[in-house]
Amino acid sequence: MSEEKYALELREITKVFNRGTVNEKLALSGLSLNLLPGDFVTIIGGNGAGKSTMLNAIAGVWPVDSGRVIVDGTDITALPEHKRALYLGRVFQDPMNGTAATMDIEENMAIASRRGQRQTLRRGVSAKEREFFRERLASLGLGLEERMTSKVGLLSGGQRQAITLLMAAIKKPKLLLLDEHTAALDPKTAAKVLEISDRIIEENQLTALMVTHNMRDAIAHGNRLIMMDEGRIIYDVRGEEKKNLHVKDLLAKFEEVSGTEFANDRMMLG
């Protein structure tokens, strides 16, 4: 019987910041996690639980102290951040981070679609590319396909996040990382961006990790939910059990496993 191939394997990841100083912080504590292809995992936890630290460990923002990061069977632990871009797509909390404000929409999308290709002197956007970008933008339902030559800096935060999502998924990455990507948006816009996220993940059959500050969103989206505390996973639930969860269930589980109350009103009330 062949061994199951995971989309992501985190094997005993440890990360300590400011080691040997009064500010020493154990951010990830022997963290292990396996994702199957097509898993859409939401991640919740209090401040300093290690949620974004885990995503940064996967993305290669800094080296881990120990452990291994394996994406689709390839060990990327030693790869620098820019080389991991071949495997990963990422959307950040700040809508300004995922796009180049002074370039227009189609130029931003061209950069994303050519990621990992050999750079040439060819400039501009081809007619074939333009038609593909128009089709993808039309799928968002925001009318952006009629504004392809508009500077991205002129768009709203929600529009920029929607474009960033398209850009992150355009090469069908092995893993999509969503790092509180709706936290800076108003509730109505956040709901729209989450709807777009669900659709892009499903249509492209992507494997995704989504950090969220909102427990209701964590329950409503994805097929699996993990809760983190002090750099480790303390709860992991999927399928029908996840669908039937309520916020009060998550709070009770946190207190049961961690022995402390969940002290983050933003997550409870969001």
C-alpha atoms as a PDB file:
ATOM      1  CA  MET A   1       0.000   0.000   0.000  1.00  0.00           C
ATOM      2  CA  SER A   2       1.524   3.331  -1.111  1.00  0.00           C
ATOM      3  CA  GLU A   3       2.131   6.090   1.392  1.00  0.00           C
ATOM      4  CA  GLU A   4      -0.380   8.932   1.210  1.00  0.00           C
ATOM      5  CA  LYS A   5       1.003  12.075  -0.425  1.00  0.00           C
ATOM      6  CA  TYR A   6       0.242  15.208   1.535  1.00  0.00           C
ATOM      7  CA  ALA A   7      -0.132  18.692   0.081  1.00  0.00           C
ATOM      8  CA  LEU A   8       1.656  20.047   3.173  1.00  0.00           C
ATOM      9  CA  GLU A   9       3.671  18.421   5.941  1.00  0.00           C
ATOM     10  CA  LEU A  10       4.989  20.377   8.887  1.00  0.00           C
ATOM     11  CA  ARG A  11       7.245  18.095  10.917  1.00  0.00           C
ATOM     12  CA  GLU A  12       8.136  19.190  14.437  1.00  0.00           C
ATOM     13  CA  ILE A  13       8.633  22.874  13.570  1.00  0.00           C
ATOM     14  CA  THR A  14      10.243  24.961  16.302  1.00  0.00           C
ATOM     15  CA  LYS A  15      10.906  28.690  16.178  1.00  0.00           C
ATOM     16  CA  VAL A  16      12.291  30.870  18.988  1.00  0.00           C
ATOM     17  CA  PHE A  17      12.566  34.635  18.621  1.00  0.00           C
ATOM     18  CA  ASN A  18      15.172  36.728  20.504  1.00  0.00           C
ATOM     19  CA  ARG A  19      16.861  33.622  21.836  1.00  0.00           C
ATOM     20  CA  GLY A  20      19.058  34.239  24.882  1.00  0.00           C
ATOM     21  CA  THR A  21      17.517  37.622  25.686  1.00  0.00           C
ATOM     22  CA  VAL A  22      14.914  38.795  28.190  1.00  0.00           C
ATOM     23  CA  ASN A  23      12.501  38.956  25.239  1.00  0.00           C
ATOM     24  CA  GLU A  24      12.957  35.283  24.267  1.00  0.00           C
ATOM     25  CA  LYS A  25       9.702  33.902  22.861  1.00  0.00           C
ATOM     26  CA  LEU A  26       8.941  30.318  21.895  1.00  0.00           C
ATOM     27  CA  ALA A  27       6.677  31.007  18.919  1.00  0.00           C
ATOM     28  CA  LEU A  28       6.305  27.485  17.504  1.00  0.00           C
ATOM     29  CA  SER A  29       6.739  24.487  19.780  1.00  0.00           C
ATOM     30  CA  GLY A  30       7.354  21.242  17.866  1.00  0.00           C
ATOM     31  CA  LEU A  31       4.424  22.002  15.569  1.00  0.00           C
ATOM     32  CA  SER A  32       3.295  19.180  13.274  1.00  0.00           C
ATOM     33  CA  LEU A  33       0.480  19.372  10.716  1.00  0.00           C
ATOM     34  CA  ASN A  34      -0.500  17.380   7.606  1.00  0.00           C
ATOM     35  CA  LEU A  35      -2.868  18.661   4.917  1.00  0.00           C
ATOM     36  CA  LEU A  36      -4.444  16.468   2.250  1.00  0.00           C
ATOM     37  CA  PRO A  37      -4.802  17.842  -1.301  1.00  0.00           C
ATOM     38  CA  GLY A  38      -7.920  20.034  -1.397  1.00  0.00           C
ATOM     39  CA  ASP A  39      -8.032  20.674   2.360  1.00  0.00           C
ATOM     40  CA  PHE A  40      -9.207  24.199   3.221  1.00  0.00           C
ATOM     41  CA  VAL A  41      -8.151  24.730   6.824  1.00  0.00           C
ATOM     42  CA  THR A  42      -9.164  27.715   8.954  1.00  0.00           C
ATOM     43  CA  ILE A  43      -6.859  28.642  11.854  1.00  0.00           C
ATOM     44  CA  ILE A  44      -7.910  30.422  15.032  1.00  0.00           C
ATOM     45  CA  GLY A  45      -6.218  31.272  18.324  1.00  0.00           C
ATOM     46  CA  GLY A  46      -5.493  34.151  20.655  1.00  0.00           C
ATOM     47  CA  ASN A  47      -2.849  36.828  20.163  1.00  0.00           C
ATOM     48  CA  GLY A  48       0.608  35.275  20.083  1.00  0.00           C
ATOM     49  CA  ALA A  49      -0.748  31.746  19.543  1.00  0.00           C
ATOM     50  CA  GLY A  50       1.541  31.230  16.547  1.00  0.00           C
ATOM     51  CA  LYS A  51      -0.973  31.506  13.683  1.00  0.00           C
ATOM     52  CA  SER A  52       0.861  33.988  11.441  1.00  0.00           C
ATOM     53  CA  THR A  53       4.200  32.612  12.653  1.00  0.00           C
ATOM     54  CA  MET A  54       3.221  29.248  11.174  1.00  0.00           C
ATOM     55  CA  LEU A  55       2.358  30.841   7.826  1.00  0.00           C
ATOM     56  CA  ASN A  56       5.671  32.735   7.849  1.00  0.00           C
ATOM     57  CA  ALA A  57       7.498  29.471   8.572  1.00  0.00           C
ATOM     58  CA  ILE A  58       5.834  27.889   5.532  1.00  0.00           C
ATOM     59  CA  ALA A  59       6.543  30.934   3.341  1.00  0.00           C
ATOM     60  CA  GLY A  60      10.199  31.107   4.400  1.00  0.00           C
ATOM     61  CA  VAL A  61      10.105  34.629   5.822  1.00  0.00           C
ATOM     62  CA  TRP A  62      12.868  33.415   8.171  1.00  0.00           C
ATOM     63  CA  PRO A  63      14.481  29.997   8.782  1.00  0.00           C
ATOM     64  CA  VAL A  64      12.956  27.648  11.344  1.00  0.00           C
ATOM     65  CA  ASP A  65      15.174  26.491  14.229  1.00  0.00           C
ATOM     66  CA  SER A  66      14.295  22.842  13.688  1.00  0.00           C
ATOM     67  CA  GLY A  67      11.835  20.702  11.791  1.00  0.00           C
ATOM     68  CA  ARG A  68      10.895  20.326   8.139  1.00  0.00           C
ATOM     69  CA  VAL A  69       8.467  22.000   5.727  1.00  0.00           C
ATOM     70  CA  ILE A  70       7.357  19.719   2.873  1.00  0.00           C
ATOM     71  CA  VAL A  71       4.996  20.914   0.120  1.00  0.00           C
ATOM     72  CA  ASP A  72       3.535  18.349  -2.294  1.00  0.00           C
ATOM     73  CA  GLY A  73       6.338  15.926  -1.468  1.00  0.00           C
ATOM     74  CA  THR A  74       9.145  18.474  -1.942  1.00  0.00           C
ATOM     75  CA  ASP A  75      11.217  19.491   1.086  1.00  0.00           C
ATOM     76  CA  ILE A  76      11.402  23.290   0.900  1.00  0.00           C
ATOM     77  CA  THR A  77      12.857  23.839   4.392  1.00  0.00           C
ATOM     78  CA  ALA A  78      16.158  25.177   3.042  1.00  0.00           C
ATOM     79  CA  LEU A  79      14.688  27.231   0.187  1.00  0.00           C
ATOM     80  CA  PRO A  80      14.715  31.059   0.453  1.00  0.00           C
ATOM     81  CA  GLU A  81      11.409  32.916   0.388  1.00  0.00           C
ATOM     82  CA  HIS A  82      11.566  33.935  -3.295  1.00  0.00           C
ATOM     83  CA  LYS A  83      12.077  30.327  -4.440  1.00  0.00           C
ATOM     84  CA  ARG A  84       9.108  29.124  -2.392  1.00  0.00           C
ATOM     85  CA  ALA A  85       6.919  31.430  -4.511  1.00  0.00           C
ATOM     86  CA  LEU A  86       6.898  28.641  -7.125  1.00  0.00           C
ATOM     87  CA  TYR A  87       4.893  26.507  -4.687  1.00  0.00           C
ATOM     88  CA  LEU A  88       2.910  29.079  -2.723  1.00  0.00           C
ATOM     89  CA  GLY A  89       0.359  31.849  -3.158  1.00  0.00           C
ATOM     90  CA  ARG A  90      -0.197  34.311  -0.315  1.00  0.00           C
ATOM     91  CA  VAL A  91      -2.649  37.074   0.560  1.00  0.00           C
ATOM     92  CA  PHE A  92      -1.818  39.386   3.465  1.00  0.00           C
ATOM     93  CA  GLN A  93      -3.963  41.335   5.920  1.00  0.00           C
ATOM     94  CA  ASP A  94      -3.056  44.694   4.371  1.00  0.00           C
ATOM     95  CA  PRO A  95      -4.626  45.063   0.880  1.00  0.00           C
ATOM     96  CA  MET A  96      -1.628  47.240  -0.062  1.00  0.00           C
ATOM     97  CA  ASN A  97       0.828  44.350   0.318  1.00  0.00           C
ATOM     98  CA  GLY A  98      -0.290  42.127  -2.538  1.00  0.00           C
ATOM     99  CA  THR A  99      -0.272  44.559  -5.449  1.00  0.00           C
ATOM    100  CA  ALA A 100       1.830  47.342  -6.984  1.00  0.00           C
ATOM    101  CA  ALA A 101      -0.199  50.542  -6.537  1.00  0.00           C
ATOM    102  CA  THR A 102       1.445  52.519  -9.366  1.00  0.00           C
ATOM    103  CA  MET A 103       0.828  49.796 -11.957  1.00  0.00           C
ATOM    104  CA  ASP A 104      -2.513  49.086 -13.576  1.00  0.00           C
ATOM    105  CA  ILE A 105      -4.657  46.003 -13.003  1.00  0.00           C
ATOM    106  CA  GLU A 106      -3.556  44.081 -16.088  1.00  0.00           C
ATOM    107  CA  GLU A 107       0.132  44.786 -15.397  1.00  0.00           C
ATOM    108  CA  ASN A 108      -0.228  43.445 -11.854  1.00  0.00           C
ATOM    109  CA  MET A 109      -1.902  40.310 -13.188  1.00  0.00           C
ATOM    110  CA  ALA A 110       0.787  39.871 -15.844  1.00  0.00           C
ATOM    111  CA  ILE A 111       3.491  39.894 -13.164  1.00  0.00           C
ATOM    112  CA  ALA A 112       1.613  37.203 -11.239  1.00  0.00           C
ATOM    113  CA  SER A 113       0.975  35.042 -14.318  1.00  0.00           C
ATOM    114  CA  ARG A 114       4.669  35.140 -15.301  1.00  0.00           C
ATOM    115  CA  ARG A 115       5.935  34.243 -11.825  1.00  0.00           C
ATOM    116  CA  GLY A 116       8.645  31.621 -12.037  1.00  0.00           C
ATOM    117  CA  GLN A 117       9.184  32.090 -15.769  1.00  0.00           C
ATOM    118  CA  ARG A 118      12.483  33.157 -17.247  1.00  0.00           C
ATOM    119  CA  GLN A 119      12.580  36.935 -17.468  1.00  0.00           C
ATOM    120  CA  THR A 120      12.910  38.409 -20.974  1.00  0.00           C
ATOM    121  CA  LEU A 121      13.008  41.888 -22.457  1.00  0.00           C
ATOM    122  CA  ARG A 122       9.386  41.494 -23.590  1.00  0.00           C
ATOM    123  CA  ARG A 123       7.219  44.140 -22.038  1.00  0.00           C
ATOM    124  CA  GLY A 124       3.524  44.863 -22.028  1.00  0.00           C
ATOM    125  CA  VAL A 125       0.536  42.551 -22.015  1.00  0.00           C
ATOM    126  CA  SER A 126      -0.303  40.338 -24.982  1.00  0.00           C
ATOM    127  CA  ALA A 127      -3.795  40.153 -26.467  1.00  0.00           C
ATOM    128  CA  LYS A 128      -4.083  36.539 -25.323  1.00  0.00           C
ATOM    129  CA  GLU A 129      -3.084  37.467 -21.757  1.00  0.00           C
ATOM    130  CA  ARG A 130      -5.462  40.422 -21.763  1.00  0.00           C
ATOM    131  CA  GLU A 131      -8.416  38.216 -22.735  1.00  0.00           C
ATOM    132  CA  PHE A 132      -7.522  35.697 -20.006  1.00  0.00           C
ATOM    133  CA  PHE A 133      -7.249  38.456 -17.378  1.00  0.00           C
ATOM    134  CA  ARG A 134     -10.575  39.952 -18.506  1.00  0.00           C
ATOM    135  CA  GLU A 135     -12.265  36.569 -18.080  1.00  0.00           C
ATOM    136  CA  ARG A 136     -10.796  36.054 -14.603  1.00  0.00           C
ATOM    137  CA  LEU A 137     -11.704  39.583 -13.478  1.00  0.00           C
ATOM    138  CA  ALA A 138     -15.269  39.180 -14.780  1.00  0.00           C
ATOM    139  CA  SER A 139     -15.634  36.112 -12.531  1.00  0.00           C
ATOM    140  CA  LEU A 140     -15.301  38.400  -9.489  1.00  0.00           C
ATOM    141  CA  GLY A 141     -18.534  40.216 -10.306  1.00  0.00           C
ATOM    142  CA  LEU A 142     -17.038  43.599  -9.389  1.00  0.00           C
ATOM    143  CA  GLY A 143     -16.887  45.166 -12.859  1.00  0.00           C
ATOM    144  CA  LEU A 144     -13.077  45.288 -12.775  1.00  0.00           C
ATOM    145  CA  GLU A 145     -12.820  43.721 -16.242  1.00  0.00           C
ATOM    146  CA  GLU A 146     -13.870  47.155 -17.574  1.00  0.00           C
ATOM    147  CA  ARG A 147     -11.100  48.897 -15.611  1.00  0.00           C
ATOM    148  CA  MET A 148      -8.049  46.848 -16.567  1.00  0.00           C
ATOM    149  CA  THR A 149      -5.932  49.925 -17.309  1.00  0.00           C
ATOM    150  CA  SER A 150      -6.844  51.625 -14.013  1.00  0.00           C
ATOM    151  CA  LYS A 151      -4.054  52.065 -11.477  1.00  0.00           C
ATOM    152  CA  VAL A 152      -4.496  49.578  -8.632  1.00  0.00           C
ATOM    153  CA  GLY A 153      -3.793  52.351  -6.110  1.00  0.00           C
ATOM    154  CA  LEU A 154      -7.128  53.942  -7.060  1.00  0.00           C
ATOM    155  CA  LEU A 155      -9.147  50.871  -6.055  1.00  0.00           C
ATOM    156  CA  SER A 156     -10.836  50.160  -2.719  1.00  0.00           C
ATOM    157  CA  GLY A 157      -9.322  47.756  -0.196  1.00  0.00           C
ATOM    158  CA  GLY A 158     -11.864  45.070  -1.059  1.00  0.00           C
ATOM    159  CA  GLN A 159     -11.204  45.399  -4.789  1.00  0.00           C
ATOM    160  CA  ARG A 160      -7.460  45.144  -4.188  1.00  0.00           C
ATOM    161  CA  GLN A 161      -7.870  42.031  -2.034  1.00  0.00           C
ATOM    162  CA  ALA A 162     -10.054  40.428  -4.715  1.00  0.00           C
ATOM    163  CA  ILE A 163      -7.362  41.103  -7.335  1.00  0.00           C
ATOM    164  CA  THR A 164      -4.663  39.828  -4.965  1.00  0.00           C
ATOM    165  CA  LEU A 165      -6.645  36.599  -4.566  1.00  0.00           C
ATOM    166  CA  LEU A 166      -6.799  36.177  -8.336  1.00  0.00           C
ATOM    167  CA  MET A 167      -3.068  36.879  -8.586  1.00  0.00           C
ATOM    168  CA  ALA A 168      -2.204  34.437  -5.788  1.00  0.00           C
ATOM    169  CA  ALA A 169      -4.228  31.651  -7.458  1.00  0.00           C
ATOM    170  CA  ILE A 170      -3.423  32.379 -11.109  1.00  0.00           C
ATOM    171  CA  LYS A 171      -0.587  29.822 -11.265  1.00  0.00           C
ATOM    172  CA  LYS A 172      -2.574  27.260  -9.243  1.00  0.00           C
ATOM    173  CA  PRO A 173      -0.086  27.078  -6.357  1.00  0.00           C
ATOM    174  CA  LYS A 174       0.399  23.898  -4.357  1.00  0.00           C
ATOM    175  CA  LEU A 175      -0.686  25.842  -1.274  1.00  0.00           C
ATOM    176  CA  LEU A 176      -2.605  29.109  -0.773  1.00  0.00           C
ATOM    177  CA  LEU A 177      -1.908  31.067   2.434  1.00  0.00           C
ATOM    178  CA  LEU A 178      -4.538  33.583   3.583  1.00  0.00           C
ATOM    179  CA  ASP A 179      -3.258  35.608   6.524  1.00  0.00           C
ATOM    180  CA  GLU A 180      -6.236  37.433   8.097  1.00  0.00           C
ATOM    181  CA  HIS A 181      -6.927  38.722   4.580  1.00  0.00           C
ATOM    182  CA  THR A 182     -10.304  40.247   5.501  1.00  0.00           C
ATOM    183  CA  ALA A 183      -9.345  41.796   8.869  1.00  0.00           C
ATOM    184  CA  ALA A 184      -8.774  45.293   7.430  1.00  0.00           C
ATOM    185  CA  LEU A 185     -12.106  45.350   5.557  1.00  0.00           C
ATOM    186  CA  ASP A 186     -15.572  46.413   6.663  1.00  0.00           C
ATOM    187  CA  PRO A 187     -17.967  43.495   7.386  1.00  0.00           C
ATOM    188  CA  LYS A 188     -19.869  43.680   4.073  1.00  0.00           C
ATOM    189  CA  THR A 189     -16.682  43.835   1.999  1.00  0.00           C
ATOM    190  CA  ALA A 190     -15.076  41.105   4.104  1.00  0.00           C
ATOM    191  CA  ALA A 191     -18.036  38.811   3.426  1.00  0.00           C
ATOM    192  CA  LYS A 192     -17.701  39.439  -0.326  1.00  0.00           C
ATOM    193  CA  VAL A 193     -13.953  38.720  -0.280  1.00  0.00           C
ATOM    194  CA  LEU A 194     -14.559  35.496   1.675  1.00  0.00           C
ATOM    195  CA  GLU A 195     -17.182  34.455  -0.876  1.00  0.00           C
ATOM    196  CA  ILE A 196     -14.639  35.091  -3.655  1.00  0.00           C
ATOM    197  CA  SER A 197     -11.995  33.162  -1.684  1.00  0.00           C
ATOM    198  CA  ASP A 198     -14.300  30.133  -1.379  1.00  0.00           C
ATOM    199  CA  ARG A 199     -15.032  30.205  -5.109  1.00  0.00           C
ATOM    200  CA  ILE A 200     -11.396  30.558  -6.199  1.00  0.00           C
ATOM    201  CA  ILE A 201     -10.283  27.728  -3.889  1.00  0.00           C
ATOM    202  CA  GLU A 202     -13.070  25.445  -5.103  1.00  0.00           C
ATOM    203  CA  GLU A 203     -12.745  26.233  -8.829  1.00  0.00           C
ATOM    204  CA  ASN A 204      -8.975  25.742  -8.814  1.00  0.00           C
ATOM    205  CA  GLN A 205      -9.110  22.790  -6.378  1.00  0.00           C
ATOM    206  CA  LEU A 206      -6.526  24.488  -4.186  1.00  0.00           C
ATOM    207  CA  THR A 207      -5.219  23.462  -0.785  1.00  0.00           C
ATOM    208  CA  ALA A 208      -5.495  26.448   1.557  1.00  0.00           C
ATOM    209  CA  LEU A 209      -4.688  27.670   5.059  1.00  0.00           C
ATOM    210  CA  MET A 210      -6.683  30.670   6.304  1.00  0.00           C
ATOM    211  CA  VAL A 211      -5.817  32.504   9.515  1.00  0.00           C
ATOM    212  CA  THR A 212      -8.842  34.408  10.768  1.00  0.00           C
ATOM    213  CA  HIS A 213      -9.697  36.502  13.832  1.00  0.00           C
ATOM    214  CA  ASN A 214     -13.383  35.673  13.431  1.00  0.00           C
ATOM    215  CA  MET A 215     -14.653  32.423  14.974  1.00  0.00           C
ATOM    216  CA  ARG A 216     -17.873  32.494  12.964  1.00  0.00           C
ATOM    217  CA  ASP A 217     -15.905  32.732   9.713  1.00  0.00           C
ATOM    218  CA  ALA A 218     -13.607  29.924  10.869  1.00  0.00           C
ATOM    219  CA  ILE A 219     -16.645  27.688  11.351  1.00  0.00           C
ATOM    220  CA  ALA A 220     -18.449  28.752   8.149  1.00  0.00           C
ATOM    221  CA  HIS A 221     -15.540  28.338   5.735  1.00  0.00           C
ATOM    222  CA  GLY A 222     -13.332  25.411   4.831  1.00  0.00           C
ATOM    223  CA  ASN A 223     -13.605  21.697   5.614  1.00  0.00           C
ATOM    224  CA  ARG A 224     -11.287  21.685   8.641  1.00  0.00           C
ATOM    225  CA  LEU A 225     -10.539  23.959  11.613  1.00  0.00           C
ATOM    226  CA  ILE A 226      -7.504  24.045  13.877  1.00  0.00           C
ATOM    227  CA  MET A 227      -7.064  26.029  17.074  1.00  0.00           C
ATOM    228  CA  MET A 228      -3.597  27.115  18.203  1.00  0.00           C
ATOM    229  CA  ASP A 229      -2.211  28.162  21.574  1.00  0.00           C
ATOM    230  CA  GLU A 230       1.390  28.829  22.595  1.00  0.00           C
ATOM    231  CA  GLY A 231       2.819  27.668  19.298  1.00  0.00           C
ATOM    232  CA  ARG A 232       1.032  24.344  19.080  1.00  0.00           C
ATOM    233  CA  ILE A 233      -2.235  22.911  17.790  1.00  0.00           C
ATOM    234  CA  ILE A 234      -4.652  22.194  20.627  1.00  0.00           C
ATOM    235  CA  TYR A 235      -7.763  21.294  18.623  1.00  0.00           C
ATOM    236  CA  ASP A 236      -8.281  19.864  15.110  1.00  0.00           C
ATOM    237  CA  VAL A 237     -11.764  19.203  13.734  1.00  0.00           C
ATOM    238  CA  ARG A 238     -13.170  18.520  10.263  1.00  0.00           C
ATOM    239  CA  GLY A 239     -16.209  17.479   8.235  1.00  0.00           C
ATOM    240  CA  GLU A 240     -19.658  17.228   9.807  1.00  0.00           C
ATOM    241  CA  GLU A 241     -18.307  17.807  13.315  1.00  0.00           C
ATOM    242  CA  LYS A 242     -16.884  21.148  12.188  1.00  0.00           C
ATOM    243  CA  LYS A 243     -20.101  22.172  10.410  1.00  0.00           C
ATOM    244  CA  ASN A 244     -22.084  21.634  13.611  1.00  0.00           C
ATOM    245  CA  LEU A 245     -19.802  23.793  15.777  1.00  0.00           C
ATOM    246  CA  HIS A 246     -20.864  27.034  17.454  1.00  0.00           C
ATOM    247  CA  VAL A 247     -18.660  29.793  18.861  1.00  0.00           C
ATOM    248  CA  LYS A 248     -19.506  28.696  22.421  1.00  0.00           C
ATOM    249  CA  ASP A 249     -18.224  25.191  21.552  1.00  0.00           C
ATOM    250  CA  LEU A 250     -14.868  26.628  20.466  1.00  0.00           C
ATOM    251  CA  LEU A 251     -14.586  28.747  23.605  1.00  0.00           C
ATOM    252  CA  ALA A 252     -15.358  25.726  25.783  1.00  0.00           C
ATOM    253  CA  LYS A 253     -12.822  23.603  23.889  1.00  0.00           C
ATOM    254  CA  PHE A 254     -10.150  26.283  24.299  1.00  0.00           C
ATOM    255  CA  GLU A 255     -10.700  26.474  28.049  1.00  0.00           C
ATOM    256  CA  GLU A 256     -10.768  22.682  28.352  1.00  0.00           C
ATOM    257  CA  VAL A 257      -7.512  22.119  26.456  1.00  0.00           C
ATOM    258  CA  SER A 258      -5.512  25.190  27.493  1.00  0.00           C
ATOM    259  CA  GLY A 259      -6.795  25.592  31.045  1.00  0.00           C
ATOM    260  CA  THR A 260      -7.333  29.337  30.522  1.00  0.00           C
ATOM    261  CA  GLU A 261     -10.114  31.579  29.276  1.00  0.00           C
ATOM    262  CA  PHE A 262     -10.039  32.813  25.709  1.00  0.00           C
ATOM    263  CA  ALA A 263      -9.140  36.484  26.140  1.00  0.00           C
ATOM    264  CA  ASN A 264      -9.783  38.009  22.739  1.00  0.00           C
ATOM    265  CA  ASP A 265     -13.080  39.850  22.385  1.00  0.00           C
ATOM    266  CA  ARG A 266     -12.332  40.708  18.758  1.00  0.00           C
ATOM    267  CA  MET A 267     -12.455  37.019  17.837  1.00  0.00           C
ATOM    268  CA  MET A 268     -15.526  36.241  19.915  1.00  0.00           C
ATOM    269  CA  LEU A 269     -17.547  39.216  18.766  1.00  0.00           C
ATOM    270  CA  GLY A 270     -16.321  39.563  15.196  1.00  0.00           C
END
